[in-house]
Amino acid sequence: MARLCIPRFRLKSLLLGVALISPCLTYVGNYVYLSRRGMAEVQDYGEGFFFYVPLERCNDPASLALHNDRTRLYAPLNWLDRMCFGGAYPFRGITSLAPDAQAR
């Protein structure tokens, strides 16, 4: 009977690991996709910020609300991206530009 407990324990551990890792990978993957798409869209303008929503939808108030929600949701990953990989700041409004843009 002791042999039956070992595989059951391992299966539970594996399922628990998958259940914990899957949302984390989804969170990181979504951030990478949205931020890199936004950075590529504003690359032609030479700005130090990006939008989490497509530029053509930025005139829509609902899209800007979604961008603001994503800015708060992805703030920890954005900080890590800026510190370790040289990522850009998300656009936070006319009065809250990136610190390097305020110095100009």
PDB file of N, CA and C in Angstrom:
ATOM      1  N   MET A   1       0.801  -1.195   0.000  1.00  0.00           N
ATOM      2  CA  MET A   1       0.000   0.000   0.000  1.00  0.00           C
ATOM      3  C   MET A   1       0.848   1.265   0.000  1.00  0.00           C
ATOM      4  N   ALA A   2       2.035   1.199   0.541  1.00  0.00           N
ATOM      5  CA  ALA A   2       2.907   2.363   0.565  1.00  0.00           C
ATOM      6  C   ALA A   2       3.290   2.804  -0.843  1.00  0.00           C
ATOM      7  N   ARG A   3       3.354   1.860  -1.777  1.00  0.00           N
ATOM      8  CA  ARG A   3       3.707   2.193  -3.146  1.00  0.00           C
ATOM      9  C   ARG A   3       2.606   3.010  -3.821  1.00  0.00           C
ATOM     10  N   LEU A   4       1.350   2.790  -3.442  1.00  0.00           N
ATOM     11  CA  LEU A   4       0.248   3.523  -4.045  1.00  0.00           C
ATOM     12  C   LEU A   4       0.213   4.982  -3.595  1.00  0.00           C
ATOM     13  N   CYS A   5       0.686   5.264  -2.410  1.00  0.00           N
ATOM     14  CA  CYS A   5       0.670   6.637  -1.898  1.00  0.00           C
ATOM     15  C   CYS A   5       1.694   7.529  -2.600  1.00  0.00           C
ATOM     16  N   ILE A   6       2.813   6.980  -2.981  1.00  0.00           N
ATOM     17  CA  ILE A   6       3.866   7.779  -3.602  1.00  0.00           C
ATOM     18  C   ILE A   6       3.427   8.336  -4.960  1.00  0.00           C
ATOM     19  N   PRO A   7       2.907   7.514  -5.895  1.00  0.00           N
ATOM     20  CA  PRO A   7       2.463   8.094  -7.164  1.00  0.00           C
ATOM     21  C   PRO A   7       1.306   9.076  -7.003  1.00  0.00           C
ATOM     22  N   ARG A   8       0.405   8.814  -6.084  1.00  0.00           N
ATOM     23  CA  ARG A   8      -0.722   9.718  -5.866  1.00  0.00           C
ATOM     24  C   ARG A   8      -0.218  11.075  -5.378  1.00  0.00           C
ATOM     25  N   PHE A   9       0.757  11.048  -4.467  1.00  0.00           N
ATOM     26  CA  PHE A   9       1.341  12.288  -3.967  1.00  0.00           C
ATOM     27  C   PHE A   9       2.020  13.050  -5.105  1.00  0.00           C
ATOM     28  N   ARG A  10       2.726  12.366  -5.962  1.00  0.00           N
ATOM     29  CA  ARG A  10       3.425  13.012  -7.063  1.00  0.00           C
ATOM     30  C   ARG A  10       2.434  13.596  -8.064  1.00  0.00           C
ATOM     31  N   LEU A  11       1.353  12.885  -8.314  1.00  0.00           N
ATOM     32  CA  LEU A  11       0.349  13.395  -9.235  1.00  0.00           C
ATOM     33  C   LEU A  11      -0.311  14.660  -8.674  1.00  0.00           C
ATOM     34  N   LYS A  12      -0.597  14.648  -7.386  1.00  0.00           N
ATOM     35  CA  LYS A  12      -1.175  15.839  -6.757  1.00  0.00           C
ATOM     36  C   LYS A  12      -0.202  17.014  -6.817  1.00  0.00           C
ATOM     37  N   SER A  13       1.063  16.746  -6.579  1.00  0.00           N
ATOM     38  CA  SER A  13       2.073  17.808  -6.632  1.00  0.00           C
ATOM     39  C   SER A  13       2.198  18.365  -8.043  1.00  0.00           C
ATOM     40  N   LEU A  14       2.171  17.483  -9.028  1.00  0.00           N
ATOM     41  CA  LEU A  14       2.254  17.920 -10.408  1.00  0.00           C
ATOM     42  C   LEU A  14       1.051  18.778 -10.790  1.00  0.00           C
ATOM     43  N   LEU A  15      -0.131  18.340 -10.418  1.00  0.00           N
ATOM     44  CA  LEU A  15      -1.341  19.111 -10.723  1.00  0.00           C
ATOM     45  C   LEU A  15      -1.337  20.462 -10.014  1.00  0.00           C
ATOM     46  N   LEU A  16      -0.879  20.471  -8.765  1.00  0.00           N
ATOM     47  CA  LEU A  16      -0.786  21.729  -8.026  1.00  0.00           C
ATOM     48  C   LEU A  16       0.223  22.668  -8.685  1.00  0.00           C
ATOM     49  N   GLY A  17       1.360  22.116  -9.110  1.00  0.00           N
ATOM     50  CA  GLY A  17       2.365  22.935  -9.780  1.00  0.00           C
ATOM     51  C   GLY A  17       1.847  23.529 -11.070  1.00  0.00           C
ATOM     52  N   VAL A  18       1.144  22.715 -11.859  1.00  0.00           N
ATOM     53  CA  VAL A  18       0.568  23.207 -13.113  1.00  0.00           C
ATOM     54  C   VAL A  18      -0.489  24.268 -12.831  1.00  0.00           C
ATOM     55  N   ALA A  19      -1.294  24.042 -11.794  1.00  0.00           N
ATOM     56  CA  ALA A  19      -2.338  25.005 -11.448  1.00  0.00           C
ATOM     57  C   ALA A  19      -1.754  26.341 -10.990  1.00  0.00           C
ATOM     58  N   LEU A  20      -0.588  26.319 -10.371  1.00  0.00           N
ATOM     59  CA  LEU A  20       0.038  27.560  -9.914  1.00  0.00           C
ATOM     60  C   LEU A  20       0.851  28.245 -11.008  1.00  0.00           C
ATOM     61  N   ILE A  21       1.512  27.481 -11.836  1.00  0.00           N
ATOM     62  CA  ILE A  21       2.389  28.047 -12.857  1.00  0.00           C
ATOM     63  C   ILE A  21       1.613  28.566 -14.065  1.00  0.00           C
ATOM     64  N   SER A  22       0.527  27.909 -14.408  1.00  0.00           N
ATOM     65  CA  SER A  22      -0.230  28.289 -15.605  1.00  0.00           C
ATOM     66  C   SER A  22      -0.710  29.747 -15.586  1.00  0.00           C
ATOM     67  N   PRO A  23      -1.346  30.223 -14.513  1.00  0.00           N
ATOM     68  CA  PRO A  23      -1.755  31.641 -14.509  1.00  0.00           C
ATOM     69  C   PRO A  23      -0.560  32.599 -14.540  1.00  0.00           C
ATOM     70  N   CYS A  24       0.549  32.214 -13.914  1.00  0.00           N
ATOM     71  CA  CYS A  24       1.732  33.073 -13.926  1.00  0.00           C
ATOM     72  C   CYS A  24       2.297  33.206 -15.336  1.00  0.00           C
ATOM     73  N   LEU A  25       2.367  32.092 -16.055  1.00  0.00           N
ATOM     74  CA  LEU A  25       2.864  32.142 -17.427  1.00  0.00           C
ATOM     75  C   LEU A  25       1.919  32.916 -18.334  1.00  0.00           C
ATOM     76  N   THR A  26       0.627  32.801 -18.099  1.00  0.00           N
ATOM     77  CA  THR A  26      -0.352  33.565 -18.879  1.00  0.00           C
ATOM     78  C   THR A  26      -0.187  35.058 -18.632  1.00  0.00           C
ATOM     79  N   TYR A  27      -0.012  35.437 -17.379  1.00  0.00           N
ATOM     80  CA  TYR A  27       0.193  36.844 -16.997  1.00  0.00           C
ATOM     81  C   TYR A  27       1.433  37.415 -17.677  1.00  0.00           C
ATOM     82  N   VAL A  28       2.547  36.705 -17.589  1.00  0.00           N
ATOM     83  CA  VAL A  28       3.793  37.174 -18.189  1.00  0.00           C
ATOM     84  C   VAL A  28       3.677  37.203 -19.714  1.00  0.00           C
ATOM     85  N   GLY A  29       3.094  36.162 -20.291  1.00  0.00           N
ATOM     86  CA  GLY A  29       2.948  36.103 -21.742  1.00  0.00           C
ATOM     87  C   GLY A  29       2.087  37.227 -22.289  1.00  0.00           C
ATOM     88  N   ASN A  30       0.982  37.519 -21.606  1.00  0.00           N
ATOM     89  CA  ASN A  30       0.123  38.625 -22.040  1.00  0.00           C
ATOM     90  C   ASN A  30       0.855  39.957 -21.945  1.00  0.00           C
ATOM     91  N   TYR A  31       1.604  40.155 -20.862  1.00  0.00           N
ATOM     92  CA  TYR A  31       2.359  41.404 -20.725  1.00  0.00           C
ATOM     93  C   TYR A  31       3.365  41.555 -21.862  1.00  0.00           C
ATOM     94  N   VAL A  32       4.114  40.498 -22.135  1.00  0.00           N
ATOM     95  CA  VAL A  32       5.130  40.570 -23.181  1.00  0.00           C
ATOM     96  C   VAL A  32       4.482  40.887 -24.528  1.00  0.00           C
ATOM     97  N   TYR A  33       3.403  40.205 -24.844  1.00  0.00           N
ATOM     98  CA  TYR A  33       2.732  40.442 -26.123  1.00  0.00           C
ATOM     99  C   TYR A  33       2.212  41.877 -26.231  1.00  0.00           C
ATOM    100  N   LEU A  34       1.469  42.331 -25.213  1.00  0.00           N
ATOM    101  CA  LEU A  34       0.859  43.666 -25.272  1.00  0.00           C
ATOM    102  C   LEU A  34       1.904  44.780 -25.250  1.00  0.00           C
ATOM    103  N   SER A  35       2.922  44.637 -24.416  1.00  0.00           N
ATOM    104  CA  SER A  35       3.925  45.702 -24.319  1.00  0.00           C
ATOM    105  C   SER A  35       4.779  45.772 -25.573  1.00  0.00           C
ATOM    106  N   ARG A  36       5.190  44.633 -26.111  1.00  0.00           N
ATOM    107  CA  ARG A  36       6.029  44.657 -27.315  1.00  0.00           C
ATOM    108  C   ARG A  36       5.251  45.155 -28.520  1.00  0.00           C
ATOM    109  N   ARG A  37       3.963  44.815 -28.605  1.00  0.00           N
ATOM    110  CA  ARG A  37       3.146  45.338 -29.696  1.00  0.00           C
ATOM    111  C   ARG A  37       3.032  46.859 -29.566  1.00  0.00           C
ATOM    112  N   GLY A  38       2.776  47.333 -28.344  1.00  0.00           N
ATOM    113  CA  GLY A  38       2.672  48.775 -28.119  1.00  0.00           C
ATOM    114  C   GLY A  38       3.969  49.505 -28.398  1.00  0.00           C
ATOM    115  N   MET A  39       5.096  48.914 -28.004  1.00  0.00           N
ATOM    116  CA  MET A  39       6.390  49.547 -28.271  1.00  0.00           C
ATOM    117  C   MET A  39       6.681  49.593 -29.765  1.00  0.00           C
ATOM    118  N   ALA A  40       6.298  48.559 -30.491  1.00  0.00           N
ATOM    119  CA  ALA A  40       6.519  48.544 -31.941  1.00  0.00           C
ATOM    120  C   ALA A  40       5.654  49.591 -32.640  1.00  0.00           C
ATOM    121  N   GLU A  41       4.446  49.815 -32.152  1.00  0.00           N
ATOM    122  CA  GLU A  41       3.555  50.797 -32.772  1.00  0.00           C
ATOM    123  C   GLU A  41       4.066  52.225 -32.618  1.00  0.00           C
ATOM    124  N   VAL A  42       4.638  52.558 -31.475  1.00  0.00           N
ATOM    125  CA  VAL A  42       5.096  53.939 -31.252  1.00  0.00           C
ATOM    126  C   VAL A  42       6.560  54.137 -31.617  1.00  0.00           C
ATOM    127  N   GLN A  43       7.217  53.102 -32.106  1.00  0.00           N
ATOM    128  CA  GLN A  43       8.631  53.199 -32.466  1.00  0.00           C
ATOM    129  C   GLN A  43       8.873  54.267 -33.530  1.00  0.00           C
ATOM    130  N   ASP A  44       7.949  54.425 -34.460  1.00  0.00           N
ATOM    131  CA  ASP A  44       8.113  55.434 -35.515  1.00  0.00           C
ATOM    132  C   ASP A  44       8.070  56.858 -34.970  1.00  0.00           C
ATOM    133  N   TYR A  45       7.429  57.042 -33.817  1.00  0.00           N
ATOM    134  CA  TYR A  45       7.301  58.376 -33.235  1.00  0.00           C
ATOM    135  C   TYR A  45       8.467  58.727 -32.320  1.00  0.00           C
ATOM    136  N   GLY A  46       9.263  57.743 -31.926  1.00  0.00           N
ATOM    137  CA  GLY A  46      10.427  57.988 -31.088  1.00  0.00           C
ATOM    138  C   GLY A  46      10.105  58.371 -29.662  1.00  0.00           C
ATOM    139  N   GLU A  47       8.957  57.983 -29.171  1.00  0.00           N
ATOM    140  CA  GLU A  47       8.569  58.322 -27.802  1.00  0.00           C
ATOM    141  C   GLU A  47       9.050  57.249 -26.829  1.00  0.00           C
ATOM    142  N   GLY A  48       9.151  57.602 -25.563  1.00  0.00           N
ATOM    143  CA  GLY A  48       9.612  56.680 -24.534  1.00  0.00           C
ATOM    144  C   GLY A  48       8.475  56.015 -23.791  1.00  0.00           C
ATOM    145  N   PHE A  49       7.333  55.892 -24.409  1.00  0.00           N
ATOM    146  CA  PHE A  49       6.193  55.239 -23.769  1.00  0.00           C
ATOM    147  C   PHE A  49       5.437  54.424 -24.804  1.00  0.00           C
ATOM    148  N   PHE A  50       4.464  53.646 -24.337  1.00  0.00           N
ATOM    149  CA  PHE A  50       3.666  52.823 -25.233  1.00  0.00           C
ATOM    150  C   PHE A  50       2.253  52.685 -24.681  1.00  0.00           C
ATOM    151  N   PHE A  51       1.362  52.171 -25.493  1.00  0.00           N
ATOM    152  CA  PHE A  51      -0.023  51.896 -25.104  1.00  0.00           C
ATOM    153  C   PHE A  51      -0.254  50.395 -25.091  1.00  0.00           C
ATOM    154  N   TYR A  52      -1.037  49.920 -24.143  1.00  0.00           N
ATOM    155  CA  TYR A  52      -1.420  48.513 -24.102  1.00  0.00           C
ATOM    156  C   TYR A  52      -2.557  48.200 -25.077  1.00  0.00           C
ATOM    157  N   VAL A  53      -3.166  49.207 -25.653  1.00  0.00           N
ATOM    158  CA  VAL A  53      -4.218  49.023 -26.662  1.00  0.00           C
ATOM    159  C   VAL A  53      -3.679  49.537 -28.000  1.00  0.00           C
ATOM    160  N   PRO A  54      -4.211  49.071 -29.116  1.00  0.00           N
ATOM    161  CA  PRO A  54      -3.738  49.558 -30.416  1.00  0.00           C
ATOM    162  C   PRO A  54      -3.943  51.072 -30.553  1.00  0.00           C
ATOM    163  N   LEU A  55      -3.024  51.722 -31.227  1.00  0.00           N
ATOM    164  CA  LEU A  55      -3.086  53.177 -31.368  1.00  0.00           C
ATOM    165  C   LEU A  55      -4.371  53.659 -32.035  1.00  0.00           C
ATOM    166  N   GLU A  56      -4.876  52.896 -33.006  1.00  0.00           N
ATOM    167  CA  GLU A  56      -6.094  53.349 -33.695  1.00  0.00           C
ATOM    168  C   GLU A  56      -7.315  53.331 -32.780  1.00  0.00           C
ATOM    169  N   ARG A  57      -7.239  52.660 -31.642  1.00  0.00           N
ATOM    170  CA  ARG A  57      -8.361  52.631 -30.697  1.00  0.00           C
ATOM    171  C   ARG A  57      -8.172  53.592 -29.523  1.00  0.00           C
ATOM    172  N   CYS A  58      -7.117  54.386 -29.519  1.00  0.00           N
ATOM    173  CA  CYS A  58      -6.832  55.266 -28.383  1.00  0.00           C
ATOM    174  C   CYS A  58      -7.807  56.430 -28.253  1.00  0.00           C
ATOM    175  N   ASN A  59      -8.577  56.740 -29.276  1.00  0.00           N
ATOM    176  CA  ASN A  59      -9.574  57.812 -29.174  1.00  0.00           C
ATOM    177  C   ASN A  59     -10.835  57.360 -28.462  1.00  0.00           C
ATOM    178  N   ASP A  60     -11.017  56.077 -28.296  1.00  0.00           N
ATOM    179  CA  ASP A  60     -12.195  55.518 -27.647  1.00  0.00           C
ATOM    180  C   ASP A  60     -11.996  55.533 -26.122  1.00  0.00           C
ATOM    181  N   PRO A  61     -12.899  56.161 -25.376  1.00  0.00           N
ATOM    182  CA  PRO A  61     -12.751  56.201 -23.912  1.00  0.00           C
ATOM    183  C   PRO A  61     -12.697  54.819 -23.269  1.00  0.00           C
ATOM    184  N   ALA A  62     -13.423  53.854 -23.820  1.00  0.00           N
ATOM    185  CA  ALA A  62     -13.396  52.505 -23.255  1.00  0.00           C
ATOM    186  C   ALA A  62     -12.018  51.868 -23.438  1.00  0.00           C
ATOM    187  N   SER A  63     -11.383  52.138 -24.558  1.00  0.00           N
ATOM    188  CA  SER A  63     -10.045  51.600 -24.798  1.00  0.00           C
ATOM    189  C   SER A  63      -9.020  52.246 -23.872  1.00  0.00           C
ATOM    190  N   LEU A  64      -9.161  53.540 -23.635  1.00  0.00           N
ATOM    191  CA  LEU A  64      -8.249  54.198 -22.690  1.00  0.00           C
ATOM    192  C   LEU A  64      -8.459  53.702 -21.272  1.00  0.00           C
ATOM    193  N   ALA A  65      -9.703  53.392 -20.916  1.00  0.00           N
ATOM    194  CA  ALA A  65      -9.966  52.812 -19.601  1.00  0.00           C
ATOM    195  C   ALA A  65      -9.317  51.436 -19.492  1.00  0.00           C
ATOM    196  N   LEU A  66      -9.386  50.657 -20.569  1.00  0.00           N
ATOM    197  CA  LEU A  66      -8.730  49.348 -20.596  1.00  0.00           C
ATOM    198  C   LEU A  66      -7.217  49.508 -20.479  1.00  0.00           C
ATOM    199  N   HIS A  67      -6.658  50.491 -21.174  1.00  0.00           N
ATOM    200  CA  HIS A  67      -5.221  50.759 -21.071  1.00  0.00           C
ATOM    201  C   HIS A  67      -4.842  51.114 -19.634  1.00  0.00           C
ATOM    202  N   ASN A  68      -5.632  51.955 -18.986  1.00  0.00           N
ATOM    203  CA  ASN A  68      -5.337  52.334 -17.603  1.00  0.00           C
ATOM    204  C   ASN A  68      -5.428  51.140 -16.662  1.00  0.00           C
ATOM    205  N   ASP A  69      -6.411  50.275 -16.877  1.00  0.00           N
ATOM    206  CA  ASP A  69      -6.525  49.064 -16.055  1.00  0.00           C
ATOM    207  C   ASP A  69      -5.308  48.163 -16.255  1.00  0.00           C
ATOM    208  N   ARG A  70      -4.892  48.015 -17.505  1.00  0.00           N
ATOM    209  CA  ARG A  70      -3.720  47.180 -17.784  1.00  0.00           C
ATOM    210  C   ARG A  70      -2.447  47.802 -17.250  1.00  0.00           C
ATOM    211  N   THR A  71      -2.380  49.118 -17.217  1.00  0.00           N
ATOM    212  CA  THR A  71      -1.206  49.790 -16.647  1.00  0.00           C
ATOM    213  C   THR A  71      -1.047  49.416 -15.180  1.00  0.00           C
ATOM    214  N   ARG A  72      -2.151  49.414 -14.452  1.00  0.00           N
ATOM    215  CA  ARG A  72      -2.100  49.019 -13.041  1.00  0.00           C
ATOM    216  C   ARG A  72      -1.840  47.517 -12.884  1.00  0.00           C
ATOM    217  N   LEU A  73      -2.465  46.701 -13.721  1.00  0.00           N
ATOM    218  CA  LEU A  73      -2.318  45.252 -13.627  1.00  0.00           C
ATOM    219  C   LEU A  73      -0.883  44.811 -13.902  1.00  0.00           C
ATOM    220  N   TYR A  74      -0.265  45.400 -14.910  1.00  0.00           N
ATOM    221  CA  TYR A  74       1.069  44.977 -15.322  1.00  0.00           C
ATOM    222  C   TYR A  74       2.179  45.844 -14.736  1.00  0.00           C
ATOM    223  N   ALA A  75       1.887  46.684 -13.767  1.00  0.00           N
ATOM    224  CA  ALA A  75       2.908  47.566 -13.182  1.00  0.00           C
ATOM    225  C   ALA A  75       4.116  46.809 -12.628  1.00  0.00           C
ATOM    226  N   PRO A  76       3.936  45.709 -11.897  1.00  0.00           N
ATOM    227  CA  PRO A  76       5.132  44.993 -11.405  1.00  0.00           C
ATOM    228  C   PRO A  76       6.009  44.446 -12.534  1.00  0.00           C
ATOM    229  N   LEU A  77       5.396  43.886 -13.557  1.00  0.00           N
ATOM    230  CA  LEU A  77       6.181  43.366 -14.675  1.00  0.00           C
ATOM    231  C   LEU A  77       6.812  44.487 -15.482  1.00  0.00           C
ATOM    232  N   ASN A  78       6.118  45.608 -15.609  1.00  0.00           N
ATOM    233  CA  ASN A  78       6.685  46.736 -16.337  1.00  0.00           C
ATOM    234  C   ASN A  78       7.907  47.277 -15.613  1.00  0.00           C
ATOM    235  N   TRP A  79       7.834  47.352 -14.298  1.00  0.00           N
ATOM    236  CA  TRP A  79       8.988  47.796 -13.511  1.00  0.00           C
ATOM    237  C   TRP A  79      10.170  46.862 -13.734  1.00  0.00           C
ATOM    238  N   LEU A  80       9.920  45.554 -13.665  1.00  0.00           N
ATOM    239  CA  LEU A  80      10.973  44.566 -13.882  1.00  0.00           C
ATOM    240  C   LEU A  80      11.527  44.663 -15.304  1.00  0.00           C
ATOM    241  N   ASP A  81      10.671  44.864 -16.257  1.00  0.00           N
ATOM    242  CA  ASP A  81      11.084  45.013 -17.655  1.00  0.00           C
ATOM    243  C   ASP A  81      11.972  46.246 -17.833  1.00  0.00           C
ATOM    244  N   ARG A  82      11.609  47.353 -17.211  1.00  0.00           N
ATOM    245  CA  ARG A  82      12.417  48.576 -17.322  1.00  0.00           C
ATOM    246  C   ARG A  82      13.767  48.422 -16.637  1.00  0.00           C
ATOM    247  N   MET A  83      13.784  47.800 -15.450  1.00  0.00           N
ATOM    248  CA  MET A  83      15.018  47.675 -14.684  1.00  0.00           C
ATOM    249  C   MET A  83      15.999  46.670 -15.307  1.00  0.00           C
ATOM    250  N   CYS A  84      15.483  45.564 -15.807  1.00  0.00           N
ATOM    251  CA  CYS A  84      16.356  44.491 -16.284  1.00  0.00           C
ATOM    252  C   CYS A  84      16.561  44.461 -17.793  1.00  0.00           C
ATOM    253  N   PHE A  85      15.567  44.890 -18.548  1.00  0.00           N
ATOM    254  CA  PHE A  85      15.631  44.711 -19.993  1.00  0.00           C
ATOM    255  C   PHE A  85      15.513  46.018 -20.782  1.00  0.00           C
ATOM    256  N   GLY A  86      15.445  47.143 -20.119  1.00  0.00           N
ATOM    257  CA  GLY A  86      15.380  48.425 -20.811  1.00  0.00           C
ATOM    258  C   GLY A  86      14.049  48.703 -21.473  1.00  0.00           C
ATOM    259  N   GLY A  87      12.970  48.190 -20.927  1.00  0.00           N
ATOM    260  CA  GLY A  87      11.638  48.430 -21.484  1.00  0.00           C
ATOM    261  C   GLY A  87      11.205  49.875 -21.307  1.00  0.00           C
ATOM    262  N   ALA A  88      10.098  50.206 -21.928  1.00  0.00           N
ATOM    263  CA  ALA A  88       9.574  51.570 -21.882  1.00  0.00           C
ATOM    264  C   ALA A  88       8.469  51.685 -20.834  1.00  0.00           C
ATOM    265  N   TYR A  89       8.123  52.916 -20.508  1.00  0.00           N
ATOM    266  CA  TYR A  89       7.006  53.187 -19.620  1.00  0.00           C
ATOM    267  C   TYR A  89       5.695  53.115 -20.398  1.00  0.00           C
ATOM    268  N   PRO A  90       4.623  52.631 -19.773  1.00  0.00           N
ATOM    269  CA  PRO A  90       3.321  52.768 -20.430  1.00  0.00           C
ATOM    270  C   PRO A  90       2.865  54.219 -20.322  1.00  0.00           C
ATOM    271  N   PHE A  91       2.101  54.670 -21.295  1.00  0.00           N
ATOM    272  CA  PHE A  91       1.578  56.034 -21.262  1.00  0.00           C
ATOM    273  C   PHE A  91       0.629  56.161 -20.076  1.00  0.00           C
ATOM    274  N   ARG A  92       0.841  57.203 -19.251  1.00  0.00           N
ATOM    275  CA  ARG A  92       0.018  57.387 -18.058  1.00  0.00           C
ATOM    276  C   ARG A  92      -0.714  58.713 -18.052  1.00  0.00           C
ATOM    277  N   GLY A  93      -0.640  59.449 -19.127  1.00  0.00           N
ATOM    278  CA  GLY A  93      -1.338  60.726 -19.190  1.00  0.00           C
ATOM    279  C   GLY A  93      -0.387  61.847 -19.557  1.00  0.00           C
ATOM    280  N   ILE A  94      -0.949  62.961 -19.944  1.00  0.00           N
ATOM    281  CA  ILE A  94      -0.151  64.105 -20.388  1.00  0.00           C
ATOM    282  C   ILE A  94       0.722  64.642 -19.257  1.00  0.00           C
ATOM    283  N   THR A  95       0.220  64.642 -18.052  1.00  0.00           N
ATOM    284  CA  THR A  95       0.966  65.233 -16.940  1.00  0.00           C
ATOM    285  C   THR A  95       1.878  64.250 -16.236  1.00  0.00           C
ATOM    286  N   SER A  96       1.857  62.977 -16.613  1.00  0.00           N
ATOM    287  CA  SER A  96       2.701  61.999 -15.930  1.00  0.00           C
ATOM    288  C   SER A  96       3.548  61.238 -16.933  1.00  0.00           C
ATOM    289  N   LEU A  97       4.362  61.962 -17.687  1.00  0.00           N
ATOM    290  CA  LEU A  97       5.252  61.324 -18.635  1.00  0.00           C
ATOM    291  C   LEU A  97       6.362  60.600 -17.898  1.00  0.00           C
ATOM    292  N   ALA A  98       7.112  59.809 -18.613  1.00  0.00           N
ATOM    293  CA  ALA A  98       8.237  59.088 -18.014  1.00  0.00           C
ATOM    294  C   ALA A  98       9.218  60.089 -17.417  1.00  0.00           C
ATOM    295  N   PRO A  99       9.927  59.712 -16.345  1.00  0.00           N
ATOM    296  CA  PRO A  99      10.862  60.655 -15.705  1.00  0.00           C
ATOM    297  C   PRO A  99      11.905  61.214 -16.669  1.00  0.00           C
ATOM    298  N   ASP A 100      12.411  60.435 -17.605  1.00  0.00           N
ATOM    299  CA  ASP A 100      13.412  60.958 -18.527  1.00  0.00           C
ATOM    300  C   ASP A 100      12.804  61.956 -19.500  1.00  0.00           C
ATOM    301  N   ALA A 101      11.508  61.837 -19.795  1.00  0.00           N
ATOM    302  CA  ALA A 101      10.839  62.796 -20.682  1.00  0.00           C
ATOM    303  C   ALA A 101      10.565  64.113 -19.958  1.00  0.00           C
ATOM    304  N   GLN A 102      10.388  64.079 -18.636  1.00  0.00           N
ATOM    305  CA  GLN A 102      10.133  65.298 -17.874  1.00  0.00           C
ATOM    306  C   GLN A 102      11.383  66.163 -17.781  1.00  0.00           C
ATOM    307  N   ALA A 103      12.548  65.548 -17.876  1.00  0.00           N
ATOM    308  CA  ALA A 103      13.805  66.296 -17.742  1.00  0.00           C
ATOM    309  C   ALA A 103      14.096  67.126 -18.988  1.00  0.00           C
ATOM    310  N   ARG A 104      13.459  66.801 -20.112  1.00  0.00           N
ATOM    311  CA  ARG A 104      13.738  67.541 -21.360  1.00  0.00           C
ATOM    312  C   ARG A 104      13.190  68.927 -21.364  1.00  0.00           C
TER     313      ARG A 104
END
